């Protein structure tokens, strides 16, 4: 499972906060780019199948609202922009329903997809795996896509499977080239890179490590084996956590990062 820090990062990138969600995002929106009509915590109807939408939302919204959700299924990009005005005021997703689908359906599904797409991903620390899930939640589980826009996605998979985990933060950051004018997505990639870097503190390149709640024990054991001073590593972990927290806090403006592309 991914860490709470990863979950917080995704929620911050997708909706900023509960307060902002209640104020501005209970009704669907079109984030732009290749996105579809988006509801809840970044649930993109453009990339969902009708049966999945019925399963995920059928017991959580009234039937007339479910019909409006289904009307948006499959519409992406400019088509989604055209569909949105007709259904926007019909659809009103409460916070708790949005979080239930996110935590009970989206996170487990995307975690499983990432672990199946990248050999060894299931052995990563919860922070490192969470950084990958955040990326996939935004861009899709497209680590094998051959086009030029997915060069860094392929590099991430290649580096993980080769055990070159220290190269992955650079792959996250190199992706910023794709969105020169989109501060939200650039901020999200930086947050994912920092989360990955913090996650490396809790693991070596070959052994599964403890969850973040056991970070003190994990660091002590790993550093004793490597000969590095535990205090220095603890300081590094704290700095990484503070940086990730600061990046997440920057969304409170808010500058969302939910557009696909």
Protein backbone atom coordinates (compact mmCIF):
# COMPACT_ATOMS: atom_id res chain seq x y z
CA UNK A 1 0.00 0.00 0.00
CA UNK A 2 1.11 3.57 -0.54
CA UNK A 3 1.92 6.01 2.25
CA UNK A 4 -0.36 8.65 3.75
CA UNK A 5 2.04 11.28 2.40
CA UNK A 6 1.39 9.96 -1.11
CA UNK A 7 -2.37 10.03 -0.58
CA UNK A 8 -2.14 13.60 0.72
CA UNK A 9 -0.07 14.59 -2.31
CA UNK A 10 -2.62 13.20 -4.77
CA UNK A 11 -5.57 14.80 -2.98
CA UNK A 12 -3.76 18.15 -2.82
CA UNK A 13 -2.89 18.00 -6.53
CA UNK A 14 -6.38 16.96 -7.59
CA UNK A 15 -8.62 19.12 -5.38
CA UNK A 16 -6.37 21.18 -3.06
CA UNK A 17 -8.38 20.59 0.13
CA UNK A 18 -11.77 19.57 1.45
CA UNK A 19 -12.69 23.22 1.93
CA UNK A 20 -11.86 24.09 -1.69
CA UNK A 21 -13.60 20.95 -2.95
CA UNK A 22 -16.81 21.87 -1.11
CA UNK A 23 -16.59 25.41 -2.44
CA UNK A 24 -15.66 24.81 -6.08
CA UNK A 25 -15.43 21.16 -7.14
CA UNK A 26 -18.58 19.33 -6.04
CA UNK A 27 -19.79 19.85 -9.61
CA UNK A 28 -17.69 18.35 -12.43
CA UNK A 29 -15.16 20.25 -14.47
CA UNK A 30 -13.02 19.81 -17.54
CA UNK A 31 -9.37 20.34 -16.46
CA UNK A 32 -8.21 20.85 -20.04
CA UNK A 33 -5.78 19.03 -22.29
CA UNK A 34 -6.66 15.40 -22.98
CA UNK A 35 -8.83 15.14 -19.87
CA UNK A 36 -12.43 14.09 -19.78
CA UNK A 37 -15.17 15.45 -17.54
CA UNK A 38 -13.70 15.01 -14.05
CA UNK A 39 -15.49 14.46 -10.74
CA UNK A 40 -14.54 13.67 -7.17
CA UNK A 41 -10.83 13.27 -6.41
CA UNK A 42 -9.68 13.32 -10.02
CA UNK A 43 -12.08 10.62 -11.29
CA UNK A 44 -11.94 11.13 -15.06
CA UNK A 45 -15.11 9.96 -16.79
CA UNK A 46 -13.43 10.23 -20.17
CA UNK A 47 -11.22 7.24 -19.37
CA UNK A 48 -13.79 5.14 -17.51
CA UNK A 49 -16.07 2.42 -18.85
CA UNK A 50 -19.80 2.64 -18.26
CA UNK A 51 -19.88 -0.56 -16.21
CA UNK A 52 -17.14 0.74 -13.93
CA UNK A 53 -18.95 4.04 -13.40
CA UNK A 54 -22.12 2.15 -12.45
CA UNK A 55 -20.15 -0.03 -10.01
CA UNK A 56 -18.23 2.87 -8.45
CA UNK A 57 -21.03 5.42 -8.19
CA UNK A 58 -24.34 3.57 -8.54
CA UNK A 59 -24.85 3.15 -4.79
CA UNK A 60 -23.51 6.61 -3.93
CA UNK A 61 -25.55 8.97 -6.12
CA UNK A 62 -29.21 9.11 -7.18
CA UNK A 63 -30.21 7.56 -10.50
CA UNK A 64 -30.70 10.83 -12.37
CA UNK A 65 -27.15 11.84 -11.40
CA UNK A 66 -25.77 8.44 -12.43
CA UNK A 67 -27.40 8.94 -15.84
CA UNK A 68 -25.60 12.29 -16.17
CA UNK A 69 -22.29 10.64 -15.25
CA UNK A 70 -22.83 7.99 -17.90
CA UNK A 71 -23.55 10.72 -20.44
CA UNK A 72 -19.95 11.94 -19.95
CA UNK A 73 -18.26 8.54 -20.28
CA UNK A 74 -15.68 8.40 -23.07
CA UNK A 75 -15.68 12.12 -23.87
CA UNK A 76 -12.14 13.52 -23.85
CA UNK A 77 -10.49 16.79 -24.79
CA UNK A 78 -12.68 19.26 -26.71
CA UNK A 79 -15.55 16.75 -26.76
CA UNK A 80 -15.59 16.73 -22.96
CA UNK A 81 -15.69 20.52 -22.94
CA UNK A 82 -18.81 20.38 -25.11
CA UNK A 83 -20.54 17.74 -22.98
CA UNK A 84 -19.87 19.42 -19.64
CA UNK A 85 -22.38 22.32 -19.68
CA UNK A 86 -25.34 19.97 -20.19
CA UNK A 87 -24.56 17.82 -17.16
CA UNK A 88 -22.60 20.09 -14.83
CA UNK A 89 -25.39 21.26 -12.54
CA UNK A 90 -27.04 17.84 -12.44
CA UNK A 91 -23.90 16.24 -10.96
CA UNK A 92 -23.09 17.13 -7.34
CA UNK A 93 -20.65 14.76 -5.62
CA UNK A 94 -20.37 15.10 -1.81
CA UNK A 95 -16.90 15.02 -0.27
CA UNK A 96 -17.43 11.74 1.56
CA UNK A 97 -18.64 9.96 -1.58
CA UNK A 98 -15.64 11.34 -3.49
CA UNK A 99 -13.20 10.14 -0.82
CA UNK A 100 -14.88 6.73 -0.51
CA UNK A 101 -14.42 6.03 -4.22
CA UNK A 102 -10.88 7.41 -4.13
CA UNK A 103 -9.73 5.34 -1.15
CA UNK A 104 -11.74 2.15 -1.67
CA UNK A 105 -11.53 1.90 -5.46
CA UNK A 106 -9.08 4.25 -7.17
CA UNK A 107 -6.03 3.87 -4.93
CA UNK A 108 -6.14 0.05 -4.73
CA UNK A 109 -6.75 -0.24 -8.49
CA UNK A 110 -3.95 2.11 -9.50
CA UNK A 111 -1.54 0.57 -7.00
CA UNK A 112 -2.24 -2.86 -8.44
CA UNK A 113 -1.87 -1.61 -12.03
CA UNK A 114 1.47 0.06 -11.29
CA UNK A 115 2.79 -3.07 -9.58
CA UNK A 116 1.78 -5.19 -12.57
CA UNK A 117 3.28 -2.71 -15.06
CA UNK A 118 6.69 -2.36 -13.39
CA UNK A 119 8.62 -5.38 -12.15
CA UNK A 120 9.76 -4.80 -8.58
CA UNK A 121 7.39 -1.91 -7.85
CA UNK A 122 5.74 -3.98 -5.13
CA UNK A 123 9.10 -4.09 -3.30
CA UNK A 124 9.41 -0.29 -3.13
CA UNK A 125 8.83 1.73 0.02
CA UNK A 126 5.29 3.14 0.46
CA UNK A 127 6.57 6.63 -0.43
CA UNK A 128 8.30 5.50 -3.63
CA UNK A 129 5.35 3.40 -4.71
CA UNK A 130 3.07 6.29 -3.84
CA UNK A 131 5.03 8.63 -6.12
CA UNK A 132 4.46 6.19 -8.98
CA UNK A 133 0.76 5.87 -8.19
CA UNK A 134 0.41 9.66 -8.18
CA UNK A 135 2.10 9.83 -11.57
CA UNK A 136 -0.06 7.05 -13.01
CA UNK A 137 -3.21 8.58 -11.53
CA UNK A 138 -2.42 11.73 -13.47
CA UNK A 139 -0.96 10.34 -16.71
CA UNK A 140 -2.29 6.79 -16.81
CA UNK A 141 -0.36 3.56 -16.36
CA UNK A 142 1.53 4.37 -19.54
CA UNK A 143 5.04 3.19 -18.74
CA UNK A 144 5.27 1.32 -22.06
CA UNK A 145 3.79 4.01 -24.31
CA UNK A 146 6.24 4.37 -27.23
CA UNK A 147 5.53 8.00 -28.10
CA UNK A 148 7.90 10.88 -27.39
CA UNK A 149 5.74 12.41 -24.66
CA UNK A 150 6.23 9.26 -22.59
CA UNK A 151 10.03 9.09 -22.81
CA UNK A 152 10.41 9.71 -19.07
CA UNK A 153 7.65 7.23 -18.18
CA UNK A 154 9.59 4.50 -20.01
CA UNK A 155 12.80 5.65 -18.31
CA UNK A 156 11.20 5.33 -14.88
CA UNK A 157 10.22 1.73 -15.59
CA UNK A 158 13.64 0.93 -17.03
CA UNK A 159 15.50 2.42 -14.07
CA UNK A 160 13.34 0.67 -11.47
CA UNK A 161 13.66 -2.71 -13.16
CA UNK A 162 17.44 -2.22 -13.43
CA UNK A 163 17.68 -1.30 -9.74
CA UNK A 164 18.84 2.25 -10.59
CA UNK A 165 16.45 3.83 -8.11
CA UNK A 166 18.55 6.96 -7.61
CA UNK A 167 17.90 7.98 -11.24
CA UNK A 168 14.10 8.05 -10.92
CA UNK A 169 13.77 11.53 -9.33
CA UNK A 170 15.54 12.95 -12.38
CA UNK A 171 12.98 11.24 -14.61
CA UNK A 172 10.14 12.88 -12.69
CA UNK A 173 11.78 16.28 -13.01
CA UNK A 174 12.64 15.85 -16.70
CA UNK A 175 8.92 15.42 -17.38
CA UNK A 176 8.34 19.08 -16.53
CA UNK A 177 9.38 19.89 -20.12
CA UNK A 178 5.94 18.72 -21.23
CA UNK A 179 4.06 21.48 -19.40
CA UNK A 180 6.16 24.67 -19.61
CA UNK A 181 3.14 26.87 -18.83
CA UNK A 182 1.32 24.65 -16.31
CA UNK A 183 2.58 25.42 -12.81
CA UNK A 184 0.32 22.82 -11.21
CA UNK A 185 1.75 19.87 -13.13
CA UNK A 186 5.32 21.08 -12.69
CA UNK A 187 4.71 21.35 -8.94
CA UNK A 188 3.20 17.88 -8.86
CA UNK A 189 6.18 16.30 -10.61
CA UNK A 190 8.54 18.02 -8.16
CA UNK A 191 6.49 16.76 -5.21
CA UNK A 192 6.62 13.22 -6.62
CA UNK A 193 10.39 13.45 -7.07
CA UNK A 194 10.82 14.62 -3.46
CA UNK A 195 8.51 11.91 -2.18
CA UNK A 196 10.60 9.31 -4.04
CA UNK A 197 13.82 10.70 -2.60
CA UNK A 198 12.40 10.52 0.90
CA UNK A 199 11.25 6.97 0.26
CA UNK A 200 14.76 5.86 -0.67
CA UNK A 201 15.89 6.58 2.86
CA UNK A 202 13.73 3.69 4.07
CA UNK A 203 15.00 1.03 1.75
CA UNK A 204 18.03 -0.33 -0.05
CA UNK A 205 17.98 -1.58 -3.63
CA UNK A 206 17.16 -5.17 -2.84
CA UNK A 207 15.11 -5.55 0.35
CA UNK A 208 11.55 -4.47 1.21
CA UNK A 209 11.59 -1.89 3.99
CA UNK A 210 9.32 -0.83 6.79
CA UNK A 211 6.33 1.46 6.39
CA UNK A 212 6.77 5.16 7.22
CA UNK A 213 5.41 4.63 10.77
CA UNK A 214 8.54 2.56 11.46
CA UNK A 215 10.93 4.99 9.79
CA UNK A 216 13.16 5.31 12.86
CA UNK A 217 13.71 1.56 13.11
CA UNK A 218 14.15 1.15 9.36
CA UNK A 219 16.70 3.94 9.15
CA UNK A 220 18.66 2.64 12.13
CA UNK A 221 18.88 -0.88 10.70
CA UNK A 222 19.80 0.24 7.21
CA UNK A 223 22.39 2.74 8.36
CA UNK A 224 24.01 0.29 10.76
CA UNK A 225 24.48 -2.11 7.85
CA UNK A 226 25.92 0.59 5.58
CA UNK A 227 28.08 2.27 8.18
CA UNK A 228 26.53 5.71 7.62
CA UNK A 229 25.60 7.80 10.70
CA UNK A 230 21.92 7.25 11.65
CA UNK A 231 21.53 10.88 12.77
CA UNK A 232 22.56 12.21 9.36
CA UNK A 233 20.04 9.97 7.63
CA UNK A 234 17.27 10.95 10.04
CA UNK A 235 18.00 14.60 9.29
CA UNK A 236 17.84 13.81 5.54
CA UNK A 237 14.46 12.10 5.98
CA UNK A 238 13.09 15.06 7.96
CA UNK A 239 14.28 17.53 5.33
CA UNK A 240 12.70 15.47 2.53
CA UNK A 241 9.41 15.29 4.44
CA UNK A 242 9.44 19.04 5.03
CA UNK A 243 10.09 19.77 1.37
CA UNK A 244 7.27 17.47 0.26
CA UNK A 245 4.98 19.11 2.80
CA UNK A 246 5.88 22.55 1.52
CA UNK A 247 5.24 21.54 -2.07
CA UNK A 248 1.86 20.07 -1.12
CA UNK A 249 0.99 23.21 0.83
CA UNK A 250 1.61 25.29 -2.29
CA UNK A 251 -1.62 23.89 -3.73
CA UNK A 252 -3.65 25.86 -1.17
CA UNK A 253 -3.57 28.84 -3.54
CA UNK A 254 -4.95 26.63 -5.19
CA UNK A 255 -3.11 25.57 -8.34
CA UNK A 256 -4.53 22.18 -9.26
CA UNK A 257 -2.66 19.55 -11.29
CA UNK A 258 -5.35 17.23 -12.60
CA UNK A 259 -5.11 17.84 -16.37
CA UNK A 260 -4.16 14.79 -18.44
CA UNK A 261 -1.41 14.82 -21.00
